[in-house]
Protein backbone atom coordinates (compact mmCIF):
# COMPACT_ATOMS: atom_id res chain seq x y z
CA MET A 1 0.00 0.00 0.00
CA LEU A 2 2.03 2.93 -1.33
CA PHE A 3 1.71 6.35 0.32
CA ASN A 4 1.20 7.95 -3.10
CA THR A 5 -1.99 6.02 -3.91
CA LEU A 6 -5.71 6.51 -3.38
CA ALA A 7 -5.78 3.19 -1.48
CA TYR A 8 -3.53 4.68 1.22
CA ALA A 9 -5.65 7.83 1.42
CA GLU A 10 -8.78 5.74 1.99
CA PHE A 11 -7.00 3.52 4.53
CA PHE A 12 -5.61 6.50 6.42
CA ALA A 13 -8.96 8.31 6.48
CA VAL A 14 -10.55 5.32 8.23
CA VAL A 15 -7.62 4.97 10.65
CA TRP A 16 -7.68 8.69 11.47
CA VAL A 17 -11.41 8.78 12.23
CA VAL A 18 -11.51 5.58 14.30
CA SER A 19 -8.29 6.30 16.23
CA TRP A 20 -9.59 9.69 17.39
CA LEU A 21 -12.99 8.25 18.26
CA LEU A 22 -11.04 5.92 20.57
CA ALA A 23 -8.82 8.70 21.95
CA ARG A 24 -10.13 8.32 25.52
CA GLN A 25 -9.72 4.54 25.44
CA ARG A 26 -5.92 4.39 25.25
CA LYS A 27 -5.47 0.60 25.21
CA LEU A 28 -8.30 0.10 22.76
CA ARG A 29 -6.82 2.81 20.54
CA LEU A 30 -3.40 1.13 20.65
CA LEU A 31 -4.97 -2.21 19.78
CA PHE A 32 -6.67 -0.60 16.81
CA LEU A 33 -3.45 1.12 15.64
CA LEU A 34 -1.55 -2.17 16.00
CA GLY A 35 -4.19 -4.02 14.01
CA ALA A 36 -4.23 -1.30 11.35
CA SER A 37 -0.42 -1.45 11.14
CA TYR A 38 -0.41 -5.22 10.68
CA PHE A 39 -3.15 -4.87 8.06
CA PHE A 40 -1.03 -2.22 6.30
CA TYR A 41 1.95 -4.62 6.30
CA ALA A 42 -0.21 -7.57 5.22
CA LYS A 43 -1.33 -5.67 2.11
CA TRP A 44 2.19 -6.33 0.78
CA ASN A 45 2.50 -9.94 1.95
CA TRP A 46 0.44 -11.31 4.85
CA ARG A 47 2.84 -14.25 5.29
CA PHE A 48 5.46 -11.97 6.87
CA VAL A 49 3.19 -10.50 9.56
CA PRO A 50 4.22 -13.32 11.98
CA LEU A 51 7.84 -12.38 11.29
CA ILE A 52 7.51 -8.80 12.48
CA TRP A 53 5.35 -9.89 15.41
CA GLY A 54 7.82 -12.62 16.41
CA SER A 55 10.84 -10.33 16.09
CA SER A 56 9.14 -7.68 18.23
CA THR A 57 8.07 -10.21 20.84
CA VAL A 58 11.56 -11.67 21.21
CA ASP A 59 13.18 -8.23 21.57
CA TRP A 60 10.58 -7.07 24.11
CA TRP A 61 11.21 -10.20 26.17
CA LEU A 62 15.00 -9.90 25.86
CA GLY A 63 14.88 -6.24 26.91
CA ASN A 64 13.03 -7.16 30.10
CA THR A 65 15.31 -10.14 30.67
CA ILE A 66 18.42 -7.95 30.41
CA ALA A 67 16.89 -5.38 32.78
CA ARG A 68 16.25 -8.08 35.41
CA ALA A 69 19.74 -9.62 35.14
CA ARG A 70 22.25 -8.53 37.75
CA ASP A 71 25.42 -10.14 36.41
CA PRO A 72 27.08 -8.06 33.63
CA ARG A 73 28.19 -11.23 31.87
CA THR A 74 24.60 -12.51 31.80
CA LYS A 75 23.44 -9.18 30.39
CA ARG A 76 26.12 -9.42 27.71
CA ARG A 77 25.10 -12.95 26.77
CA TRP A 78 21.48 -11.88 26.33
CA LEU A 79 22.66 -8.92 24.23
CA ILE A 80 24.51 -11.36 21.98
CA VAL A 81 21.27 -13.32 21.62
CA THR A 82 19.50 -10.11 20.57
CA ALA A 83 22.12 -9.30 17.95
CA SER A 84 22.06 -12.90 16.72
CA VAL A 85 18.29 -12.93 16.30
CA ASN A 86 18.03 -9.60 14.50
CA LEU A 87 21.13 -9.93 12.36
CA GLY A 88 20.19 -13.55 11.75
CA LEU A 89 16.88 -12.44 10.24
CA LEU A 90 18.73 -10.05 7.95
CA ALA A 91 21.26 -12.76 7.08
CA VAL A 92 18.60 -15.30 6.10
CA PHE A 93 16.23 -13.05 4.19
CA LYS A 94 18.59 -10.46 2.75
CA TYR A 95 22.16 -11.72 2.59
CA PHE A 96 22.21 -15.54 2.46
CA ASP A 97 21.90 -15.91 -1.30
CA PHE A 98 24.28 -12.98 -1.86
CA GLY A 99 26.89 -14.46 0.50
CA VAL A 100 26.67 -17.93 -1.01
CA GLU A 101 26.87 -16.61 -4.56
CA SER A 102 29.88 -14.43 -3.68
CA ALA A 103 31.62 -17.41 -2.08
CA ARG A 104 30.87 -19.57 -5.14
CA ALA A 105 32.32 -16.89 -7.43
CA LEU A 106 35.48 -16.70 -5.32
CA LEU A 107 35.89 -20.49 -5.21
CA GLY A 108 35.21 -20.65 -8.95
CA ALA A 109 38.06 -18.18 -9.56
CA LEU A 110 40.31 -20.50 -7.53
CA GLY A 111 39.33 -23.50 -9.63
CA PHE A 112 36.68 -25.04 -7.39
CA HIS A 113 33.08 -25.55 -8.48
CA PRO A 114 30.77 -26.06 -5.48
CA PRO A 115 27.08 -26.82 -6.10
CA GLU A 116 24.60 -23.96 -6.21
CA VAL A 117 22.76 -23.36 -2.94
CA ALA A 118 20.09 -20.67 -2.67
CA LEU A 119 17.00 -19.97 -0.58
CA HIS A 120 15.25 -17.73 -3.14
CA VAL A 121 13.01 -16.25 -0.46
CA ALA A 122 11.23 -12.92 -0.85
CA LEU A 123 12.75 -10.01 1.02
CA PRO A 124 10.30 -8.85 3.73
CA ILE A 125 9.58 -5.20 3.02
CA GLY A 126 11.08 -2.80 5.56
CA ILE A 127 13.03 -5.53 7.37
CA SER A 128 16.15 -3.36 7.58
CA PHE A 129 14.15 -0.62 9.30
CA PHE A 130 12.17 -2.57 11.87
CA THR A 131 15.07 -4.84 12.88
CA PHE A 132 17.30 -1.81 13.52
CA GLU A 133 14.57 -0.10 15.57
CA SER A 134 13.88 -3.18 17.66
CA MET A 135 17.55 -3.97 18.16
CA SER A 136 18.30 -0.40 19.26
CA TYR A 137 15.75 -0.76 22.05
CA VAL A 138 17.50 -3.80 23.55
CA ILE A 139 20.91 -2.12 23.20
CA ASP A 140 19.58 0.99 24.96
CA VAL A 141 18.23 -1.17 27.80
CA TYR A 142 21.60 -2.95 28.06
CA ARG A 143 23.45 0.38 28.20
CA GLY A 144 21.03 1.75 30.79
CA ASP A 145 19.91 4.56 28.49
CA VAL A 146 16.22 3.57 28.76
CA PRO A 147 14.33 1.38 31.22
CA ALA A 148 12.82 -1.86 30.01
CA HIS A 149 9.32 -1.22 28.71
CA ARG A 150 6.70 -3.17 30.60
CA SER A 151 3.81 -2.79 28.16
CA TYR A 152 3.88 -5.50 25.51
CA LEU A 153 1.10 -3.78 23.56
CA GLU A 154 2.91 -0.43 23.45
CA TYR A 155 6.13 -2.11 22.33
CA LEU A 156 4.42 -4.03 19.51
CA THR A 157 2.80 -0.79 18.35
CA PHE A 158 6.14 1.04 18.51
CA VAL A 159 7.75 -1.43 16.10
CA ALA A 160 4.77 -1.89 13.76
CA PHE A 161 3.40 1.69 13.71
CA PHE A 162 2.60 1.95 10.00
CA PRO A 163 3.83 5.48 9.10
CA HIS A 164 7.46 4.43 9.73
CA LEU A 165 7.13 0.65 9.30
CA VAL A 166 8.42 0.05 5.78
CA ALA A 167 10.54 3.10 4.97
CA GLY A 168 11.52 4.85 8.16
CA PRO A 169 12.53 7.16 9.60
CA ILE A 170 14.26 4.85 12.08
CA VAL A 171 12.49 6.05 15.22
CA ARG A 172 14.28 5.55 18.54
CA PRO A 173 12.32 3.85 21.35
CA ARG A 174 13.03 6.78 23.67
CA ASP A 175 11.24 9.07 21.20
CA LEU A 176 8.16 7.01 20.35
CA LEU A 177 7.38 4.77 23.34
CA PRO A 178 6.61 7.67 25.74
CA GLN A 179 4.19 9.11 23.17
CA LEU A 180 2.36 5.79 22.88
CA ALA A 181 2.26 5.47 26.65
CA GLY A 182 0.73 8.93 27.11
CA PRO A 183 -2.76 10.22 26.32
CA ALA A 184 -3.68 11.10 22.75
CA ARG A 185 -4.24 14.82 22.21
CA PHE A 186 -5.51 16.41 19.03
CA ASP A 187 -3.97 19.73 17.95
CA SER A 188 -5.65 21.41 14.99
CA SER A 189 -2.63 23.62 14.28
CA ALA A 190 -0.29 20.60 14.25
CA GLY A 191 -2.83 18.83 12.03
CA SER A 192 -2.76 21.67 9.51
CA GLU A 193 1.03 21.62 9.44
CA ALA A 194 0.89 17.84 8.93
CA LEU A 195 -1.37 18.25 5.90
CA PHE A 196 1.02 20.86 4.53
CA LEU A 197 3.90 18.42 5.01
CA ILE A 198 2.01 15.59 3.27
CA ALA A 199 1.22 17.86 0.31
CA ILE A 200 4.88 18.90 0.01
CA GLY A 201 5.94 15.26 0.29
CA LEU A 202 3.60 14.17 -2.50
CA LEU A 203 4.78 16.99 -4.75
CA LYS A 204 8.42 16.03 -4.15
CA LYS A 205 7.79 12.30 -4.60
CA VAL A 206 5.46 12.39 -7.61
CA ALA A 207 5.97 15.71 -9.40
CA ILE A 208 9.78 15.71 -9.16
CA GLY A 209 11.18 12.31 -8.13
CA ASP A 210 8.90 10.07 -10.19
CA TYR A 211 8.91 12.43 -13.17
CA LEU A 212 12.72 12.46 -13.33
CA ALA A 213 12.87 8.69 -12.86
CA LEU A 214 10.51 7.92 -15.73
CA ASN A 215 11.59 10.60 -18.18
CA LEU A 216 15.35 10.79 -17.65
CA VAL A 217 17.05 8.59 -15.07
CA ASP A 218 15.72 5.11 -15.89
CA ARG A 219 16.04 5.57 -19.65
CA THR A 220 19.62 6.81 -19.44
CA PHE A 221 20.90 4.32 -16.90
CA ASP A 222 19.28 1.45 -18.81
CA ALA A 223 21.05 2.41 -22.07
CA PRO A 224 23.88 4.90 -21.43
CA LEU A 225 25.57 4.16 -24.77
CA GLN A 226 22.53 5.61 -26.54
CA HIS A 227 22.99 8.94 -24.79
CA SER A 228 25.63 11.64 -24.86
CA ALA A 229 27.96 12.47 -21.99
CA LEU A 230 25.90 15.58 -21.28
CA GLU A 231 22.70 13.52 -21.06
CA CYS A 232 24.42 10.99 -18.81
CA TYR A 233 25.61 13.83 -16.59
CA ALA A 234 22.06 15.18 -16.45
CA ALA A 235 20.81 11.69 -15.56
CA ALA A 236 23.37 11.37 -12.75
CA VAL A 237 22.33 14.74 -11.34
CA GLY A 238 18.72 13.72 -11.96
CA TYR A 239 19.19 10.57 -9.91
CA ALA A 240 20.67 12.61 -7.06
CA VAL A 241 17.56 14.80 -7.14
CA GLN A 242 15.24 11.83 -7.65
CA ILE A 243 16.47 9.79 -4.71
CA TYR A 244 16.35 12.83 -2.44
CA CYS A 245 12.85 13.90 -3.51
CA ASP A 246 11.60 10.31 -3.47
CA PHE A 247 12.99 9.48 -0.03
CA SER A 248 12.50 12.83 1.70
CA GLY A 249 9.05 13.17 0.12
CA TYR A 250 8.04 9.75 1.40
CA THR A 251 9.45 10.69 4.81
CA ASP A 252 7.44 13.91 4.81
CA ILE A 253 4.28 11.88 4.21
CA ALA A 254 5.25 9.50 7.02
CA ILE A 255 5.93 12.35 9.45
CA GLY A 256 2.72 14.10 8.43
CA SER A 257 0.66 10.92 8.77
CA ALA A 258 2.06 10.28 12.26
CA ALA A 259 1.41 13.89 13.28
CA LEU A 260 -2.24 13.59 12.24
CA LEU A 261 -2.45 10.67 14.67
CA GLY A 262 -0.86 12.75 17.44
CA VAL A 263 2.66 11.29 17.16
CA ARG A 264 5.81 13.27 16.36
CA PHE A 265 8.68 11.79 14.37
CA PRO A 266 12.20 13.26 14.24
CA LYS A 267 13.48 15.20 11.24
CA ASN A 268 15.17 12.92 8.70
CA PHE A 269 16.55 15.30 6.04
CA ASP A 270 18.04 18.77 6.15
CA ALA A 271 18.80 19.94 2.57
CA PRO A 272 21.73 17.48 2.17
CA TYR A 273 23.01 18.94 -1.09
CA LYS A 274 23.81 22.17 0.75
CA ALA A 275 26.55 20.26 2.59
CA HIS A 276 30.03 21.73 2.24
CA ASN A 277 31.82 18.46 3.05
CA LEU A 278 30.95 14.80 3.56
CA VAL A 279 30.75 15.06 7.34
CA ASP A 280 28.16 17.80 6.87
CA PHE A 281 26.36 15.69 4.24
CA TRP A 282 25.85 12.80 6.65
CA ARG A 283 24.49 15.21 9.26
CA ARG A 284 21.82 16.13 6.71
CA TRP A 285 21.09 12.91 4.76
CA HIS A 286 18.89 10.14 6.22
CA ILE A 287 19.60 11.52 9.68
CA SER A 288 17.91 8.65 11.51
CA LEU A 289 20.21 6.10 9.81
CA SER A 290 23.42 8.11 10.09
CA THR A 291 22.85 8.73 13.82
CA TRP A 292 21.96 5.03 14.30
CA LEU A 293 25.20 3.97 12.63
CA ARG A 294 27.10 6.49 14.74
CA ASP A 295 25.55 5.52 18.08
CA TYR A 296 25.34 1.75 17.69
CA LEU A 297 28.17 0.88 15.31
CA TYR A 298 30.81 3.62 15.07
CA ILE A 299 30.90 4.28 18.81
CA SER A 300 30.80 0.55 19.58
CA LEU A 301 33.86 0.08 17.35
CA GLY A 302 35.70 2.70 19.40
CA GLY A 303 34.74 5.89 17.56
CA ASN A 304 37.52 8.46 17.71
CA ARG A 305 38.79 7.43 21.15
CA ALA A 306 41.91 5.54 20.02
CA GLY A 307 43.68 8.06 17.79
CA ARG A 308 43.35 9.17 14.20
CA ALA A 309 44.31 5.91 12.52
CA HIS A 310 41.65 3.96 14.40
CA THR A 311 39.13 6.72 13.73
CA TYR A 312 39.69 6.36 9.99
CA VAL A 313 39.38 2.57 10.20
CA ASN A 314 36.18 2.84 12.24
CA LEU A 315 34.71 5.31 9.75
CA MET A 316 35.52 2.97 6.88
CA LEU A 317 34.04 -0.09 8.63
CA THR A 318 30.91 1.83 9.59
CA MET A 319 30.28 3.04 6.06
CA LEU A 320 31.09 -0.33 4.47
CA LEU A 321 28.47 -1.94 6.70
CA GLY A 322 26.15 0.99 6.08
CA GLY A 323 26.50 0.37 2.37
CA LEU A 324 25.77 -3.33 2.84
CA TRP A 325 22.66 -2.40 4.88
CA HIS A 326 21.27 -0.79 1.73
CA GLY A 327 21.37 -3.95 -0.32
CA ALA A 328 22.95 -7.33 -1.00
CA ASN A 329 25.21 -6.19 -3.81
CA TRP A 330 28.89 -5.33 -3.96
CA THR A 331 28.03 -2.01 -5.62
CA PHE A 332 26.40 -0.92 -2.34
CA VAL A 333 29.50 -1.98 -0.42
CA ALA A 334 31.67 0.02 -2.84
CA TRP A 335 29.34 3.00 -2.43
CA GLY A 336 29.76 2.77 1.34
CA GLY A 337 33.52 2.40 0.93
CA LEU A 338 33.69 5.58 -1.16
CA HIS A 339 31.85 7.50 1.53
CA GLY A 340 34.00 5.96 4.26
CA ALA A 341 37.18 6.99 2.46
CA GLY A 342 35.72 10.44 1.80
CA LEU A 343 34.79 10.89 5.46
CA ALA A 344 38.26 9.81 6.57
CA LEU A 345 39.88 12.23 4.10
CA THR A 346 37.59 15.03 5.27
CA ARG A 347 38.56 14.37 8.89
CA PHE A 348 42.24 14.33 7.91
CA VAL A 349 42.07 17.60 5.96
CA ARG A 350 39.90 19.35 8.51
CA GLY A 351 42.17 18.31 11.36
CA ASP A 352 41.14 19.74 14.72
CA ARG A 353 38.95 22.48 13.27
CA LYS A 354 35.50 22.49 14.83
CA PRO A 355 32.59 21.59 12.53
CA GLY A 356 30.90 24.97 12.89
CA GLU A 357 34.02 27.09 12.51
CA ALA A 358 33.44 29.97 10.11
CA ARG A 359 34.97 29.84 6.65
CA SER A 360 34.84 32.21 3.73
CA LEU A 361 31.83 32.20 1.41
CA LEU A 362 34.06 31.19 -1.52
CA THR A 363 35.54 28.25 0.39
CA ARG A 364 32.12 27.03 1.46
CA SER A 365 30.71 27.43 -2.07
CA VAL A 366 33.56 25.42 -3.58
CA GLY A 367 33.03 22.83 -0.86
CA VAL A 368 29.32 22.56 -1.71
CA VAL A 369 30.06 22.04 -5.42
CA LEU A 370 32.78 19.44 -4.79
CA THR A 371 30.72 17.57 -2.19
CA PHE A 372 27.66 17.47 -4.44
CA HIS A 373 29.65 16.04 -7.35
CA PHE A 374 31.38 13.46 -5.15
CA VAL A 375 28.02 12.34 -3.78
CA THR A 376 26.52 12.29 -7.29
CA ALA A 377 29.39 10.19 -8.66
CA ALA A 378 28.92 7.74 -5.78
CA TRP A 379 25.16 7.62 -6.53
CA ILE A 380 26.05 6.16 -9.95
CA LEU A 381 27.45 3.09 -8.20
CA PHE A 382 24.41 3.03 -5.94
CA ARG A 383 22.04 3.12 -8.92
CA ALA A 384 23.92 0.72 -11.21
CA ASP A 385 22.99 -2.97 -11.22
CA SER A 386 26.63 -4.05 -11.41
CA PHE A 387 30.19 -2.75 -11.63
CA ALA A 388 30.11 -3.43 -15.36
CA ALA A 389 27.04 -1.20 -15.77
CA ALA A 390 28.68 1.54 -13.69
CA ARG A 391 31.86 1.27 -15.77
CA VAL A 392 29.85 1.73 -18.98
CA PHE A 393 28.10 4.77 -17.54
CA PHE A 394 31.36 6.39 -16.39
CA GLY A 395 32.89 5.54 -19.75
CA GLU A 396 30.12 7.39 -21.57
CA LEU A 397 30.64 10.40 -19.30
CA ALA A 398 34.30 10.40 -20.31
CA THR A 399 33.42 10.86 -24.00
CA LEU A 400 32.45 14.49 -23.29
CA THR A 401 29.86 14.45 -26.08
CA THR A 402 27.26 17.21 -25.83
CA TYR A 403 24.31 16.42 -28.13
CA HIS A 404 21.12 16.45 -26.06
CA PRO A 405 17.88 15.71 -27.95
CA ASN A 406 16.44 14.02 -24.83
CA LEU A 407 16.77 17.08 -22.58
CA ASP A 408 13.67 19.14 -23.21
CA GLY A 409 12.72 22.32 -21.41
CA ARG A 410 10.15 20.76 -19.09
CA LEU A 411 12.58 18.08 -17.97
CA LEU A 412 15.32 20.59 -17.27
CA GLY A 413 12.81 22.79 -15.44
CA VAL A 414 11.80 19.96 -13.10
CA LEU A 415 15.48 19.15 -12.51
CA ALA A 416 16.23 22.80 -11.76
CA VAL A 417 13.32 23.07 -9.32
CA GLY A 418 14.48 19.93 -7.51
CA LEU A 419 17.98 21.34 -7.09
CA ALA A 420 16.92 24.91 -6.31
CA SER A 421 14.61 23.73 -3.51
CA HIS A 422 17.71 22.96 -1.47
CA TYR A 423 18.80 26.57 -1.46
CA VAL A 424 15.52 28.19 -0.45
CA PRO A 425 16.13 29.66 3.04
CA GLU A 426 14.68 27.35 5.67
CA ARG A 427 12.93 30.25 7.36
CA TRP A 428 10.83 30.72 4.20
CA TYR A 429 9.64 27.15 4.42
CA ASP A 430 8.93 27.44 8.15
CA ARG A 431 6.96 30.65 7.62
CA SER A 432 4.95 29.08 4.80
CA ARG A 433 4.08 26.09 6.95
CA SER A 434 3.13 28.24 9.93
CA HIS A 435 1.13 30.64 7.75
CA PHE A 436 -0.74 27.72 6.17
CA ALA A 437 -1.79 26.55 9.64
CA THR A 438 -3.35 29.96 10.38
CA LEU A 439 -5.45 30.06 7.20
CA PRO A 440 -9.20 29.35 7.34
CA ALA A 441 -10.09 25.71 6.74
CA ALA A 442 -11.72 26.52 3.41
CA VAL A 443 -8.58 28.24 2.13
CA GLN A 444 -6.44 25.32 3.31
CA GLY A 445 -8.75 22.98 1.43
CA VAL A 446 -8.42 24.98 -1.78
CA ALA A 447 -4.62 25.00 -1.46
CA LEU A 448 -4.51 21.26 -0.83
CA PHE A 449 -6.84 20.66 -3.77
CA GLY A 450 -4.49 22.69 -5.97
CA ALA A 451 -1.55 20.58 -4.78
CA ALA A 452 -3.53 17.43 -5.57
CA LEU A 453 -4.19 18.68 -9.10
CA GLY A 454 -0.48 19.38 -9.53
CA VAL A 455 0.38 15.88 -8.37
CA ARG A 456 -2.20 14.37 -10.71
CA ALA A 457 -0.92 16.38 -13.68
CA MET A 458 2.66 15.16 -13.13
CA ALA A 459 1.85 11.60 -12.09
CA SER A 460 2.43 8.55 -14.28
CA ALA A 461 -0.30 6.10 -15.20
CA GLU A 462 0.71 3.81 -12.32
CA ALA A 463 2.13 4.70 -8.91
CA VAL A 464 5.93 4.48 -8.86
CA PRO A 465 7.24 2.44 -5.89
CA PHE A 466 9.38 4.12 -3.28
CA VAL A 467 13.12 3.73 -3.99
CA TYR A 468 13.98 2.54 -0.46
CA PHE A 469 11.40 -0.27 -0.46
CA GLN A 470 14.17 -2.59 -1.67
CA PHE A 471 16.12 -1.98 1.52
């Protein structure tokens, strides 16, 4: 059930009405939201509903078991069980076939020919998101950062809550569980801002991201040799804009949907292509993932506590694993490796200078341009199906040909709007959102209807799936 479909709008309308009718019956409301979330997940594949329920149940039980344990070694053993269960799920469903095939390829290069072994199981949608969220809860309990949560119902709802279930953001238990435990309160002003956010998200996802995907990116990446270097460059930039508008737009809809139900999610994007170096980029891009990797992987590896050399190694390991999190393909690992090396180089060049230390406008501008093009070049690996496909694409870029019959004015206009939106002052956006919330309901309705017409005019015949569904 895609956010950018009429089916989701109908589903959400029912959920919104019933959940607020049950506002004074907290447990009954939670039961309804949990059931609605499982129904939402079952619309993709009902066979995997027991998986998310079972994973949540095990982690809730392990969190309480760790909290009751007094011996640190016992706590550590239970933590290992948690990691084994969650990472084991990822290993079976996401990485088993990839690992076996990689091992077969390596043995084949050495002259051995082992038999083919593969599970060929479907990848449960959103598994990378809900396993990370559930695992972070048990780790937080182990570290003493949060108490073990006693309510089984609240914990199941935390993991399965449908706005963030299949595509994030990765919501921390300390942020969401207290909201589910408290009373539901409706705020009309927050509701208006949520509708504004959903409208912006749909425009980004459909009018910019999907339009660029269908009319530029997919065609060029599928057949780069039939396009000039200039068109390939436009497609690479287009993919950078597409993946941002697609992902951040979907996140906006998720945050807006949660807000309409009285739940606040953290910010997940902050104009990432304004970043003046890679460290700044990862403070702005997929914030919930980058902070998760920092808090639960980078710091666990030692962070920057053991000198510069270890810091660089830890950065590289974190980003390699972050790349692998995105998909079972060596191109994702290489993408993560590029970012790890770039982060290490940035740390080396920056030295002991503080992140917020003022620099000249020229220096920052050059940094923005260089960072954007590094990120865009890395996106080519991320988008390509294989290293061979990426090599062909880079090879076509190297021809420096400039004919461009496929770059019409409308396409370039959409691309320009997608890029320019990064550089609109944030205060303008905040004022627009706040001003929208103060408008009369009828005026808000007209504005939302206009946004819906814009989305319909730019939409394709069929809804385009969200890019991050594959992860």
